[in-house]
C-alpha atoms as a PDB file:
ATOM      1  CA  MET A   1      20.390  -0.524  -5.079  1.00  0.00           C
ATOM      2  CA  VAL A   2      16.924   0.968  -5.512  1.00  0.00           C
ATOM      3  CA  PRO A   3      17.025   4.799  -5.363  1.00  0.00           C
ATOM      4  CA  GLN A   4      14.997   6.389  -2.611  1.00  0.00           C
ATOM      5  CA  PHE A   5      12.559   9.186  -3.396  1.00  0.00           C
ATOM      6  CA  ARG A   6      11.451  11.871  -1.017  1.00  0.00           C
ATOM      7  CA  LEU A   7       9.076  10.147   1.399  1.00  0.00           C
ATOM      8  CA  SER A   8       6.444  12.868   1.555  1.00  0.00           C
ATOM      9  CA  ARG A   9       6.003  12.847  -2.234  1.00  0.00           C
ATOM     10  CA  ALA A  10       6.087   9.053  -2.367  1.00  0.00           C
ATOM     11  CA  LEU A  11       3.394   8.763   0.302  1.00  0.00           C
ATOM     12  CA  VAL A  12       1.060  11.090  -1.577  1.00  0.00           C
ATOM     13  CA  ILE A  13       1.545   9.166  -4.817  1.00  0.00           C
ATOM     14  CA  ALA A  14       1.119   5.831  -3.060  1.00  0.00           C
ATOM     15  CA  SER A  15      -2.110   6.995  -1.434  1.00  0.00           C
ATOM     16  CA  PHE A  16      -3.641   7.953  -4.772  1.00  0.00           C
ATOM     17  CA  VAL A  17      -2.464   4.801  -6.525  1.00  0.00           C
ATOM     18  CA  ALA A  18      -3.737   2.577  -3.714  1.00  0.00           C
ATOM     19  CA  SER A  19      -7.098   4.269  -3.742  1.00  0.00           C
ATOM     20  CA  SER A  20      -7.572   4.393  -7.513  1.00  0.00           C
ATOM     21  CA  ILE A  21      -9.584   1.158  -7.338  1.00  0.00           C
ATOM     22  CA  VAL A  22     -12.443   2.884  -5.593  1.00  0.00           C
ATOM     23  CA  CYS A  23     -12.040   6.583  -6.227  1.00  0.00           C
ATOM     24  CA  GLY A  24     -10.778   6.840  -9.773  1.00  0.00           C
ATOM     25  CA  PRO A  25      -7.568   7.956 -11.490  1.00  0.00           C
ATOM     26  CA  LEU A  26      -4.675   9.970 -10.089  1.00  0.00           C
ATOM     27  CA  TRP A  27      -6.258  13.290 -11.035  1.00  0.00           C
ATOM     28  CA  ALA A  28      -9.439  12.458  -9.106  1.00  0.00           C
ATOM     29  CA  PRO A  29     -10.854  14.680  -6.336  1.00  0.00           C
ATOM     30  CA  PRO A  30      -9.557  14.380  -2.760  1.00  0.00           C
ATOM     31  CA  LEU A  31      -9.665  10.956  -1.138  1.00  0.00           C
ATOM     32  CA  PRO A  32     -13.050   9.869   0.183  1.00  0.00           C
ATOM     33  CA  PRO A  33     -13.485   8.908   3.852  1.00  0.00           C
ATOM     34  CA  PRO A  34     -13.138   5.178   4.529  1.00  0.00           C
ATOM     35  CA  SER A  35     -16.852   4.753   5.285  1.00  0.00           C
ATOM     36  CA  LYS A  36     -17.658   6.030   1.799  1.00  0.00           C
ATOM     37  CA  VAL A  37     -15.056   3.704   0.253  1.00  0.00           C
ATOM     38  CA  LEU A  38     -16.718   0.753   1.995  1.00  0.00           C
ATOM     39  CA  GLN A  39     -20.028   1.787   0.442  1.00  0.00           C
ATOM     40  CA  SER A  40     -18.691   2.317  -3.052  1.00  0.00           C
ATOM     41  CA  PRO A  41     -20.725   0.538  -5.763  1.00  0.00           C
ATOM     42  CA  ARG A  42     -17.587  -1.456  -6.582  1.00  0.00           C
ATOM     43  CA  THR A  43     -16.760  -2.545  -3.035  1.00  0.00           C
ATOM     44  CA  GLN A  44     -17.746  -5.934  -1.637  1.00  0.00           C
ATOM     45  CA  VAL A  45     -17.852  -6.164   2.179  1.00  0.00           C
ATOM     46  CA  VAL A  46     -18.038  -9.593   3.787  1.00  0.00           C
ATOM     47  CA  VAL A  47     -17.274 -11.528   6.947  1.00  0.00           C
ATOM     48  CA  GLY A  48     -15.157 -14.594   6.372  1.00  0.00           C
ATOM     49  CA  THR A  49     -13.021 -17.135   8.195  1.00  0.00           C
ATOM     50  CA  TYR A  50      -9.380 -17.152   7.158  1.00  0.00           C
ATOM     51  CA  VAL A  51      -8.263 -20.508   5.752  1.00  0.00           C
ATOM     52  CA  ASP A  52      -4.769 -20.195   4.274  1.00  0.00           C
ATOM     53  CA  ARG A  53      -2.557 -18.557   1.673  1.00  0.00           C
ATOM     54  CA  LEU A  54      -2.302 -20.078  -1.774  1.00  0.00           C
ATOM     55  CA  ALA A  55       0.949 -20.770  -3.583  1.00  0.00           C
ATOM     56  CA  ASP A  56       0.370 -17.757  -5.849  1.00  0.00           C
ATOM     57  CA  GLY A  57       0.222 -15.436  -2.832  1.00  0.00           C
ATOM     58  CA  ARG A  58      -3.545 -14.896  -2.667  1.00  0.00           C
ATOM     59  CA  TYR A  59      -5.445 -15.243   0.614  1.00  0.00           C
ATOM     60  CA  ARG A  60      -8.342 -17.687   0.982  1.00  0.00           C
ATOM     61  CA  PHE A  61     -11.369 -17.163   3.215  1.00  0.00           C
ATOM     62  CA  LYS A  62     -14.559 -19.127   3.802  1.00  0.00           C
ATOM     63  CA  LYS A  63     -17.555 -16.803   3.598  1.00  0.00           C
ATOM     64  CA  VAL A  64     -19.608 -16.368   6.753  1.00  0.00           C
ATOM     65  CA  ASP A  65     -21.829 -13.456   5.754  1.00  0.00           C
ATOM     66  CA  ASP A  66     -22.396 -11.035   2.867  1.00  0.00           C
ATOM     67  CA  LEU A  67     -22.712  -7.492   4.231  1.00  0.00           C
ATOM     68  CA  ARG A  68     -22.980  -5.381   1.101  1.00  0.00           C
ATOM     69  CA  GLY A  69     -21.669  -4.974  -2.409  1.00  0.00           C
ATOM     70  CA  PRO A  70     -22.485  -5.328  -6.097  1.00  0.00           C
ATOM     71  CA  ASP A  71     -22.315  -9.132  -6.110  1.00  0.00           C
ATOM     72  CA  SER A  72     -23.044 -12.141  -3.976  1.00  0.00           C
ATOM     73  CA  ALA A  73     -19.632 -13.263  -2.727  1.00  0.00           C
ATOM     74  CA  PRO A  74     -18.743 -16.913  -3.409  1.00  0.00           C
ATOM     75  CA  ASP A  75     -18.565 -19.403  -0.557  1.00  0.00           C
ATOM     76  CA  GLU A  76     -14.778 -19.455  -0.972  1.00  0.00           C
ATOM     77  CA  ILE A  77     -13.275 -16.003  -1.356  1.00  0.00           C
ATOM     78  CA  VAL A  78      -9.756 -15.670  -2.722  1.00  0.00           C
ATOM     79  CA  VAL A  79      -8.253 -12.166  -2.704  1.00  0.00           C
ATOM     80  CA  ARG A  80      -4.950 -10.490  -3.412  1.00  0.00           C
ATOM     81  CA  GLY A  81      -3.266  -8.559  -0.610  1.00  0.00           C
ATOM     82  CA  PRO A  82       0.170  -7.444   0.596  1.00  0.00           C
ATOM     83  CA  ASP A  83       2.726 -10.086   1.589  1.00  0.00           C
ATOM     84  CA  TRP A  84       3.111  -8.708   5.107  1.00  0.00           C
ATOM     85  CA  LEU A  85      -0.571  -9.352   5.808  1.00  0.00           C
ATOM     86  CA  LEU A  86       0.255 -13.028   6.298  1.00  0.00           C
ATOM     87  CA  GLY A  87       1.703 -12.188   9.712  1.00  0.00           C
ATOM     88  CA  TRP A  88      -1.652 -10.723  10.776  1.00  0.00           C
ATOM     89  CA  LEU A  89      -3.944 -13.562   9.843  1.00  0.00           C
ATOM     90  CA  SER A  90      -4.841 -16.494  12.092  1.00  0.00           C
ATOM     91  CA  PRO A  91      -6.544 -19.602  10.662  1.00  0.00           C
ATOM     92  CA  ASN A  92     -10.129 -20.247  11.776  1.00  0.00           C
ATOM     93  CA  THR A  93     -10.540 -16.610  12.828  1.00  0.00           C
ATOM     94  CA  GLN A  94     -13.344 -14.432  11.479  1.00  0.00           C
ATOM     95  CA  TYR A  95     -12.542 -11.123   9.781  1.00  0.00           C
ATOM     96  CA  LEU A  96     -14.623  -8.351   8.319  1.00  0.00           C
ATOM     97  CA  PHE A  97     -12.927  -7.311   5.100  1.00  0.00           C
ATOM     98  CA  ALA A  98     -13.598  -5.425   1.882  1.00  0.00           C
ATOM     99  CA  TYR A  99     -12.386  -6.084  -1.622  1.00  0.00           C
ATOM    100  CA  THR A 100     -13.136  -5.134  -5.185  1.00  0.00           C
ATOM    101  CA  ALA A 101     -13.289  -7.261  -8.302  1.00  0.00           C
ATOM    102  CA  TYR A 102     -13.364  -4.221 -10.593  1.00  0.00           C
ATOM    103  CA  VAL A 103     -10.976  -1.635 -12.035  1.00  0.00           C
ATOM    104  CA  ARG A 104     -11.391   1.482 -14.123  1.00  0.00           C
ATOM    105  CA  ASN A 105     -11.578   0.880 -17.854  1.00  0.00           C
ATOM    106  CA  PRO A 106      -8.261   2.288 -19.174  1.00  0.00           C
ATOM    107  CA  ARG A 107      -9.973   3.393 -22.390  1.00  0.00           C
ATOM    108  CA  PHE A 108     -13.139   4.866 -20.908  1.00  0.00           C
ATOM    109  CA  ARG A 109     -12.327   6.165 -17.408  1.00  0.00           C
ATOM    110  CA  LYS A 110     -15.968   6.566 -16.376  1.00  0.00           C
ATOM    111  CA  GLU A 111     -16.555   2.856 -16.845  1.00  0.00           C
ATOM    112  CA  THR A 112     -15.462  -0.094 -14.744  1.00  0.00           C
ATOM    113  CA  ILE A 113     -14.523  -3.568 -15.903  1.00  0.00           C
ATOM    114  CA  VAL A 114     -13.844  -6.864 -14.167  1.00  0.00           C
ATOM    115  CA  ASP A 115     -10.261  -7.075 -12.908  1.00  0.00           C
ATOM    116  CA  THR A 116      -8.668  -9.937 -14.823  1.00  0.00           C
ATOM    117  CA  ASN A 117      -6.118 -10.337 -12.010  1.00  0.00           C
ATOM    118  CA  GLY A 118      -8.922 -11.236  -9.605  1.00  0.00           C
ATOM    119  CA  PRO A 119     -10.353  -9.579  -6.473  1.00  0.00           C
ATOM    120  CA  GLN A 120      -8.065  -7.391  -4.384  1.00  0.00           C
ATOM    121  CA  LEU A 121      -8.360  -6.126  -0.821  1.00  0.00           C
ATOM    122  CA  ILE A 122      -9.220  -2.437  -0.644  1.00  0.00           C
ATOM    123  CA  ASP A 123      -6.241  -0.307   0.400  1.00  0.00           C
ATOM    124  CA  SER A 124      -6.986   3.382   0.887  1.00  0.00           C
ATOM    125  CA  SER A 125      -6.843   6.036   3.578  1.00  0.00           C
ATOM    126  CA  GLY A 126      -8.065   4.536   6.869  1.00  0.00           C
ATOM    127  CA  LEU A 127      -8.308   1.093   5.247  1.00  0.00           C
ATOM    128  CA  GLU A 128      -4.712  -0.036   4.946  1.00  0.00           C
ATOM    129  CA  PRO A 129      -5.874  -2.646   4.178  1.00  0.00           C
ATOM    130  CA  ALA A 130      -9.629  -2.985   4.699  1.00  0.00           C
ATOM    131  CA  LEU A 131      -9.512  -5.904   7.100  1.00  0.00           C
ATOM    132  CA  PHE A 132     -10.644  -6.012  10.747  1.00  0.00           C
ATOM    133  CA  ILE A 133     -11.075  -8.835  13.199  1.00  0.00           C
ATOM    134  CA  GLU A 134     -14.815  -9.437  13.575  1.00  0.00           C
ATOM    135  CA  ALA A 135     -16.340  -8.055  16.778  1.00  0.00           C
ATOM    136  CA  ALA A 136     -19.756  -7.165  18.140  1.00  0.00           C
ATOM    137  CA  GLY A 137     -21.062  -3.899  16.689  1.00  0.00           C
ATOM    138  CA  LEU A 138     -18.222  -3.575  14.164  1.00  0.00           C
ATOM    139  CA  ARG A 139     -20.486  -3.781  11.121  1.00  0.00           C
ATOM    140  CA  GLU A 140     -22.617  -0.855  12.266  1.00  0.00           C
ATOM    141  CA  GLN A 141     -19.523   1.204  13.089  1.00  0.00           C
ATOM    142  CA  LEU A 142     -17.804   0.784   9.754  1.00  0.00           C
ATOM    143  CA  ILE A 143     -20.827   0.836   7.456  1.00  0.00           C
ATOM    144  CA  HIS A 144     -22.662   3.764   9.003  1.00  0.00           C
ATOM    145  CA  THR A 145     -25.034   6.203   7.340  1.00  0.00           C
ATOM    146  CA  LEU A 146     -23.482   8.787   5.033  1.00  0.00           C
ATOM    147  CA  ASP A 147     -26.385  11.204   5.531  1.00  0.00           C
ATOM    148  CA  LYS A 148     -24.753  14.600   6.204  1.00  0.00           C
ATOM    149  CA  PRO A 149     -26.960  15.651   9.152  1.00  0.00           C
ATOM    150  CA  SER A 150     -26.264  12.292  10.844  1.00  0.00           C
ATOM    151  CA  LEU A 151     -22.511  12.895  10.534  1.00  0.00           C
ATOM    152  CA  GLN A 152     -22.806  16.027  12.681  1.00  0.00           C
ATOM    153  CA  THR A 153     -24.798  14.552  15.556  1.00  0.00           C
ATOM    154  CA  ASP A 154     -23.407  14.262  19.072  1.00  0.00           C
ATOM    155  CA  ALA A 155     -23.849  10.496  18.879  1.00  0.00           C
ATOM    156  CA  PHE A 156     -21.622  10.227  15.804  1.00  0.00           C
ATOM    157  CA  ILE A 157     -18.986  12.503  17.339  1.00  0.00           C
ATOM    158  CA  GLU A 158     -18.942  10.239  20.391  1.00  0.00           C
ATOM    159  CA  GLN A 159     -18.523   7.254  18.082  1.00  0.00           C
ATOM    160  CA  ILE A 160     -15.457   8.832  16.498  1.00  0.00           C
ATOM    161  CA  ALA A 161     -14.017   9.704  19.909  1.00  0.00           C
ATOM    162  CA  ALA A 162     -14.530   6.122  21.078  1.00  0.00           C
ATOM    163  CA  GLY A 163     -12.947   4.780  17.902  1.00  0.00           C
ATOM    164  CA  LEU A 164      -9.854   6.948  18.336  1.00  0.00           C
ATOM    165  CA  GLY A 165      -9.516   5.505  21.828  1.00  0.00           C
ATOM    166  CA  SER A 166      -9.938   1.903  20.699  1.00  0.00           C
ATOM    167  CA  THR A 167      -7.323  -0.655  21.717  1.00  0.00           C
ATOM    168  CA  ASP A 168      -7.503  -1.951  18.120  1.00  0.00           C
ATOM    169  CA  ILE A 169      -5.102   0.322  16.238  1.00  0.00           C
ATOM    170  CA  GLN A 170      -6.778  -0.617  12.960  1.00  0.00           C
ATOM    171  CA  LEU A 171      -9.902   1.139  14.242  1.00  0.00           C
ATOM    172  CA  GLN A 172      -7.817   4.099  15.394  1.00  0.00           C
ATOM    173  CA  ASN A 173      -6.657   4.547  11.822  1.00  0.00           C
ATOM    174  CA  PHE A 174     -10.167   4.194  10.410  1.00  0.00           C
ATOM    175  CA  TYR A 175     -11.598   6.881  12.675  1.00  0.00           C
ATOM    176  CA  ALA A 176      -8.639   9.237  12.247  1.00  0.00           C
ATOM    177  CA  ALA A 177      -9.273   9.142   8.495  1.00  0.00           C
ATOM    178  CA  GLU A 178     -12.994   9.692   9.083  1.00  0.00           C
ATOM    179  CA  LEU A 179     -12.257  12.752  11.199  1.00  0.00           C
ATOM    180  CA  ASN A 180      -9.885  14.091   8.571  1.00  0.00           C
ATOM    181  CA  LEU A 181     -11.926  13.385   5.441  1.00  0.00           C
ATOM    182  CA  LEU A 182     -15.542  13.885   6.497  1.00  0.00           C
ATOM    183  CA  PRO A 183     -16.481  17.558   6.003  1.00  0.00           C
ATOM    184  CA  ASP A 184     -15.859  19.994   8.887  1.00  0.00           C
ATOM    185  CA  LEU A 185     -15.324  17.358  11.601  1.00  0.00           C
ATOM    186  CA  GLY A 186     -11.751  18.470  12.181  1.00  0.00           C
ATOM    187  CA  LYS A 187     -13.061  21.857  13.345  1.00  0.00           C
ATOM    188  CA  ARG A 188     -15.324  20.391  16.011  1.00  0.00           C
ATOM    189  CA  LYS A 189     -14.482  21.465  19.570  1.00  0.00           C
ATOM    190  CA  ASP A 190     -16.447  18.782  21.408  1.00  0.00           C
ATOM    191  CA  LYS A 191     -14.626  18.078  24.657  1.00  0.00           C
ATOM    192  CA  SER A 192     -14.656  14.306  24.267  1.00  0.00           C
ATOM    193  CA  LEU A 193     -13.395  14.513  20.685  1.00  0.00           C
ATOM    194  CA  VAL A 194     -10.552  16.928  21.436  1.00  0.00           C
ATOM    195  CA  LYS A 195      -9.574  14.766  24.400  1.00  0.00           C
ATOM    196  CA  ALA A 196      -9.525  11.628  22.231  1.00  0.00           C
ATOM    197  CA  VAL A 197      -7.474  13.312  19.500  1.00  0.00           C
ATOM    198  CA  THR A 198      -4.993  14.638  22.051  1.00  0.00           C
ATOM    199  CA  ALA A 199      -4.643  11.258  23.730  1.00  0.00           C
ATOM    200  CA  LEU A 200      -3.954   9.436  20.460  1.00  0.00           C
ATOM    201  CA  LEU A 201      -1.510  12.097  19.309  1.00  0.00           C
ATOM    202  CA  LYS A 202       0.512  11.464  22.464  1.00  0.00           C
ATOM    203  CA  ASN A 203       0.132   7.675  22.424  1.00  0.00           C
ATOM    204  CA  ALA A 204       3.504   6.241  21.389  1.00  0.00           C
ATOM    205  CA  ASP A 205       1.817   2.867  20.793  1.00  0.00           C
ATOM    206  CA  GLY A 206      -0.954   4.323  18.641  1.00  0.00           C
ATOM    207  CA  HIS A 207      -1.281   3.636  14.918  1.00  0.00           C
ATOM    208  CA  PRO A 208       1.461   5.719  13.207  1.00  0.00           C
ATOM    209  CA  THR A 209      -0.699   6.632  10.220  1.00  0.00           C
ATOM    210  CA  ALA A 210      -3.550   7.663  12.515  1.00  0.00           C
ATOM    211  CA  ARG A 211      -1.199   9.892  14.501  1.00  0.00           C
ATOM    212  CA  ALA A 212       0.184  11.411  11.292  1.00  0.00           C
ATOM    213  CA  THR A 213      -3.362  12.117  10.117  1.00  0.00           C
ATOM    214  CA  LEU A 214      -4.274  13.743  13.426  1.00  0.00           C
ATOM    215  CA  LEU A 215      -1.117  15.863  13.332  1.00  0.00           C
ATOM    216  CA  ARG A 216      -2.348  17.300  10.048  1.00  0.00           C
ATOM    217  CA  VAL A 217      -5.836  17.806  11.497  1.00  0.00           C
ATOM    218  CA  ALA A 218      -4.418  19.643  14.503  1.00  0.00           C
ATOM    219  CA  ALA A 219      -2.141  21.803  12.347  1.00  0.00           C
ATOM    220  CA  ALA A 220      -5.035  22.748  10.051  1.00  0.00           C
ATOM    221  CA  ASN A 221      -7.321  23.749  12.936  1.00  0.00           C
ATOM    222  CA  PRO A 222      -5.427  26.125  15.267  1.00  0.00           C
ATOM    223  CA  GLY A 223      -8.711  27.344  16.673  1.00  0.00           C
ATOM    224  CA  THR A 224      -9.301  23.894  18.168  1.00  0.00           C
ATOM    225  CA  TYR A 225      -5.809  22.526  18.806  1.00  0.00           C
ATOM    226  CA  SER A 226      -3.190  24.782  20.375  1.00  0.00           C
ATOM    227  CA  ARG A 227       0.290  25.414  19.005  1.00  0.00           C
ATOM    228  CA  ALA A 228       1.593  24.245  22.382  1.00  0.00           C
ATOM    229  CA  LEU A 229       0.017  20.819  21.816  1.00  0.00           C
ATOM    230  CA  LEU A 230       1.408  20.652  18.289  1.00  0.00           C
ATOM    231  CA  THR A 231       4.879  21.548  19.528  1.00  0.00           C
ATOM    232  CA  GLU A 232       4.711  18.950  22.282  1.00  0.00           C
ATOM    233  CA  VAL A 233       3.614  16.155  19.969  1.00  0.00           C
ATOM    234  CA  VAL A 234       6.132  16.991  17.234  1.00  0.00           C
ATOM    235  CA  ASP A 235       8.915  17.025  19.834  1.00  0.00           C
ATOM    236  CA  GLN A 236       7.752  13.652  21.184  1.00  0.00           C
ATOM    237  CA  VAL A 237       7.651  12.095  17.716  1.00  0.00           C
ATOM    238  CA  LEU A 238      11.114  13.387  16.807  1.00  0.00           C
ATOM    239  CA  LEU A 239      12.604  12.009  20.024  1.00  0.00           C
ATOM    240  CA  GLU A 240      10.820   8.637  19.972  1.00  0.00           C
ATOM    241  CA  ALA A 241      10.985   7.795  16.259  1.00  0.00           C
ATOM    242  CA  PRO A 242      13.023   4.670  15.504  1.00  0.00           C
ATOM    243  CA  LEU A 243      16.190   5.100  13.459  1.00  0.00           C
ATOM    244  CA  VAL A 244      15.868   1.846  11.519  1.00  0.00           C
ATOM    245  CA  GLY A 245      13.105  -0.212   9.958  1.00  0.00           C
ATOM    246  CA  TYR A 246      11.821   2.305   7.415  1.00  0.00           C
ATOM    247  CA  GLN A 247      12.500  -0.103   4.546  1.00  0.00           C
ATOM    248  CA  ASP A 248       9.897  -2.520   5.934  1.00  0.00           C
ATOM    249  CA  PRO A 249       6.832  -2.218   3.635  1.00  0.00           C
ATOM    250  CA  HIS A 250       4.554  -2.849   6.639  1.00  0.00           C
ATOM    251  CA  SER A 251       6.056  -0.023   8.699  1.00  0.00           C
ATOM    252  CA  ARG A 252       4.052   3.197   8.903  1.00  0.00           C
ATOM    253  CA  ASP A 253       6.538   4.970  11.168  1.00  0.00           C
ATOM    254  CA  GLY A 254       7.989   6.863   8.239  1.00  0.00           C
ATOM    255  CA  GLU A 255       4.690   8.576   7.538  1.00  0.00           C
ATOM    256  CA  LEU A 256       4.400   9.805  11.118  1.00  0.00           C
ATOM    257  CA  LEU A 257       7.979  11.051  11.220  1.00  0.00           C
ATOM    258  CA  SER A 258       7.606  12.728   7.834  1.00  0.00           C
ATOM    259  CA  ALA A 259       4.484  14.561   9.028  1.00  0.00           C
ATOM    260  CA  ALA A 260       6.295  15.767  12.143  1.00  0.00           C
ATOM    261  CA  LEU A 261       9.343  16.931  10.174  1.00  0.00           C
ATOM    262  CA  GLN A 262       7.126  18.804   7.719  1.00  0.00           C
ATOM    263  CA  LEU A 263       5.625  20.706  10.642  1.00  0.00           C
ATOM    264  CA  THR A 264       9.052  21.793  11.887  1.00  0.00           C
ATOM    265  CA  ARG A 265       9.015  24.257   8.998  1.00  0.00           C
ATOM    266  CA  GLU A 266       6.429  26.308  10.869  1.00  0.00           C
ATOM    267  CA  PRO A 267       8.276  29.269  12.441  1.00  0.00           C
ATOM    268  CA  SER A 268       6.006  29.145  15.487  1.00  0.00           C
ATOM    269  CA  LEU A 269       7.157  25.647  16.455  1.00  0.00           C
ATOM    270  CA  THR A 270      10.046  25.351  18.889  1.00  0.00           C
ATOM    271  CA  VAL A 271      12.283  22.423  17.988  1.00  0.00           C
ATOM    272  CA  ARG A 272      15.108  20.885  20.008  1.00  0.00           C
ATOM    273  CA  ARG A 273      18.382  20.528  18.116  1.00  0.00           C
ATOM    274  CA  ALA A 274      19.165  17.129  19.645  1.00  0.00           C
ATOM    275  CA  ALA A 275      15.825  15.781  18.439  1.00  0.00           C
ATOM    276  CA  LEU A 276      16.742  16.647  14.848  1.00  0.00           C
ATOM    277  CA  GLU A 277      20.390  15.598  15.016  1.00  0.00           C
ATOM    278  CA  ARG A 278      19.563  12.026  16.060  1.00  0.00           C
ATOM    279  CA  LEU A 279      17.415  11.561  12.946  1.00  0.00           C
ATOM    280  CA  VAL A 280      20.268  12.298  10.553  1.00  0.00           C
ATOM    281  CA  SER A 281      21.399   8.675  10.987  1.00  0.00           C
ATOM    282  CA  CYS A 282      18.047   7.017  10.151  1.00  0.00           C
ATOM    283  CA  ASP A 283      17.958   4.406   7.394  1.00  0.00           C
ATOM    284  CA  ASN A 284      15.695   6.437   5.097  1.00  0.00           C
ATOM    285  CA  THR A 285      17.539   9.138   3.215  1.00  0.00           C
ATOM    286  CA  ALA A 286      14.412  11.212   2.585  1.00  0.00           C
ATOM    287  CA  LEU A 287      13.795  11.464   6.322  1.00  0.00           C
ATOM    288  CA  ALA A 288      17.477  12.140   7.024  1.00  0.00           C
ATOM    289  CA  GLU A 289      17.370  14.954   4.478  1.00  0.00           C
ATOM    290  CA  ASP A 290      14.206  16.405   6.038  1.00  0.00           C
ATOM    291  CA  ALA A 291      15.966  16.399   9.416  1.00  0.00           C
ATOM    292  CA  LEU A 292      18.941  18.235   7.911  1.00  0.00           C
ATOM    293  CA  LEU A 293      16.677  20.796   6.253  1.00  0.00           C
ATOM    294  CA  ALA A 294      14.967  21.369   9.600  1.00  0.00           C
ATOM    295  CA  LEU A 295      18.388  21.866  11.181  1.00  0.00           C
ATOM    296  CA  ARG A 296      19.249  24.349   8.439  1.00  0.00           C
ATOM    297  CA  SER A 297      16.029  26.235   9.187  1.00  0.00           C
ATOM    298  CA  HIS A 298      16.361  26.349  12.980  1.00  0.00           C
ATOM    299  CA  PHE A 299      20.082  25.801  13.663  1.00  0.00           C
ATOM    300  CA  PRO A 300      21.958  26.545  10.402  1.00  0.00           C
ATOM    301  CA  GLU A 301      25.353  26.637  12.086  1.00  0.00           C
ATOM    302  CA  HIS A 302      24.955  23.002  13.183  1.00  0.00           C
ATOM    303  CA  GLU A 303      23.958  21.316   9.914  1.00  0.00           C
ATOM    304  CA  ARG A 304      27.506  20.486   8.803  1.00  0.00           C
ATOM    305  CA  SER A 305      28.638  19.326  12.235  1.00  0.00           C
ATOM    306  CA  ALA A 306      25.601  17.029  12.471  1.00  0.00           C
ATOM    307  CA  VAL A 307      26.643  15.363   9.205  1.00  0.00           C
ATOM    308  CA  LEU A 308      30.263  14.979  10.289  1.00  0.00           C
ATOM    309  CA  THR A 309      29.305  13.559  13.685  1.00  0.00           C
ATOM    310  CA  THR A 310      26.915  11.054  12.132  1.00  0.00           C
ATOM    311  CA  LEU A 311      29.524   9.895   9.614  1.00  0.00           C
ATOM    312  CA  LYS A 312      31.764   8.829  12.515  1.00  0.00           C
ATOM    313  CA  GLN A 313      29.270   6.126  13.515  1.00  0.00           C
ATOM    314  CA  THR A 314      30.413   2.579  12.801  1.00  0.00           C
ATOM    315  CA  GLN A 315      26.912   1.151  12.488  1.00  0.00           C
ATOM    316  CA  LEU A 316      25.511   3.581   9.962  1.00  0.00           C
ATOM    317  CA  PRO A 317      23.365   2.194   7.101  1.00  0.00           C
ATOM    318  CA  THR A 318      25.342   2.235   3.859  1.00  0.00           C
ATOM    319  CA  VAL A 319      22.604   4.108   2.018  1.00  0.00           C
ATOM    320  CA  THR A 320      22.623   6.790   4.728  1.00  0.00           C
ATOM    321  CA  ARG A 321      26.419   7.093   4.678  1.00  0.00           C
ATOM    322  CA  GLU A 322      26.451   7.549   0.903  1.00  0.00           C
ATOM    323  CA  PHE A 323      23.692  10.156   1.127  1.00  0.00           C
ATOM    324  CA  LEU A 324      25.496  12.096   3.878  1.00  0.00           C
ATOM    325  CA  LEU A 325      28.801  12.093   1.982  1.00  0.00           C
ATOM    326  CA  ASP A 326      26.973  13.499  -1.024  1.00  0.00           C
ATOM    327  CA  HIS A 327      25.184  16.034   1.188  1.00  0.00           C
ATOM    328  CA  LEU A 328      28.524  17.111   2.614  1.00  0.00           C
ATOM    329  CA  ARG A 329      29.892  17.669  -0.909  1.00  0.00           C
ATOM    330  CA  ARG A 330      26.878  19.826  -1.711  1.00  0.00           C
ATOM    331  CA  LEU A 331      27.442  21.870   1.437  1.00  0.00           C
ATOM    332  CA  ASP A 332      31.102  22.373   0.480  1.00  0.00           C
ATOM    333  CA  LEU A 333      30.156  23.470  -3.031  1.00  0.00           C
ATOM    334  CA  ALA A 334      27.580  25.905  -1.645  1.00  0.00           C
ATOM    335  CA  ALA A 335      30.098  27.349   0.825  1.00  0.00           C
ATOM    336  CA  LYS A 336      32.713  27.696  -1.933  1.00  0.00           C
ATOM    337  CA  HIS A 337      30.210  29.464  -4.160  1.00  0.00           C
ATOM    338  CA  LEU A 338      29.289  31.927  -1.417  1.00  0.00           C
ATOM    339  CA  THR A 339      32.933  32.861  -0.721  1.00  0.00           C
ATOM    340  CA  LYS A 340      33.972  33.038  -4.367  1.00  0.00           C
ATOM    341  CA  THR A 341      34.979  36.548  -5.401  1.00  0.00           C
ATOM    342  CA  VAL A 342      34.062  38.110  -8.697  1.00  0.00           C
ATOM    343  CA  PRO A 343      37.177  38.324 -10.957  1.00  0.00           C
ATOM    344  CA  GLU A 344      38.326  41.687 -12.171  1.00  0.00           C
ATOM    345  CA  SER A 345      37.512  42.509 -15.762  1.00  0.00           C
END
């Protein structure tokens, strides 16, 4: 059995590892916005028609158009990507996607060298991965100007608001990352933008990573987004989050739930006990532990009973049962330590 690490820490590490192709090593500055990643000197952006998947797991496309990048893409583009992507791709369909054929030189970190493993789809914040179904106007949206004054115009703010409201959840995620990572945009109080952020935060069918990103934006900007909104959204996420499926590498639900549970640590947030107790049985032990820690913070007298009640379930994931039994032993040891008297000398 593979040990599970705390999800919040794992997500941070995964984000930096996934983005190291375009933004450098793990100790690099904060993640760049996705539009900047697409315009990195090492990023190739193309439109291609999906053909098939090769026996070695790489994806094959027929080039339709070169959009930008350091090289001229070949007529047949073969790239590495996650296994679950296969379920997304339809033959004879055009996609706009971005990849890199370069990696950092392990000896000289300021240099790049050709990746001997071959081109790989970009996978970084807002581009998870960097692949979108081709549509009118998409090129201009994704590869927009990075000129700072242009990023503060009303027209660009409206573009972000429209992107957050897109029916394509891949675009929702792109624009949520833009809002979060482009300087000062999270503080903007434009009516259309605040409305779009609020709507996506409450959209149960919205992209989970986008909603997690916007939760952090809202929490970091109390002058724009009220504590009442934050409380409402956190409560909704805790009540609607699935209890299984977190082991699926394609699932992003764990990131959203983790973000919501992290926010329960804020004293100003009102949390319902039932919303936390249901999560103790989820199939990710890091999330189950976060739920128990939230219970300990808000309802300390109910932490032990929540564990005991959950352990009575017949259909409880084995990994969760083992974690809860261990958690119960730790609670017993802590209680014994607190009641232990000091022996007389």
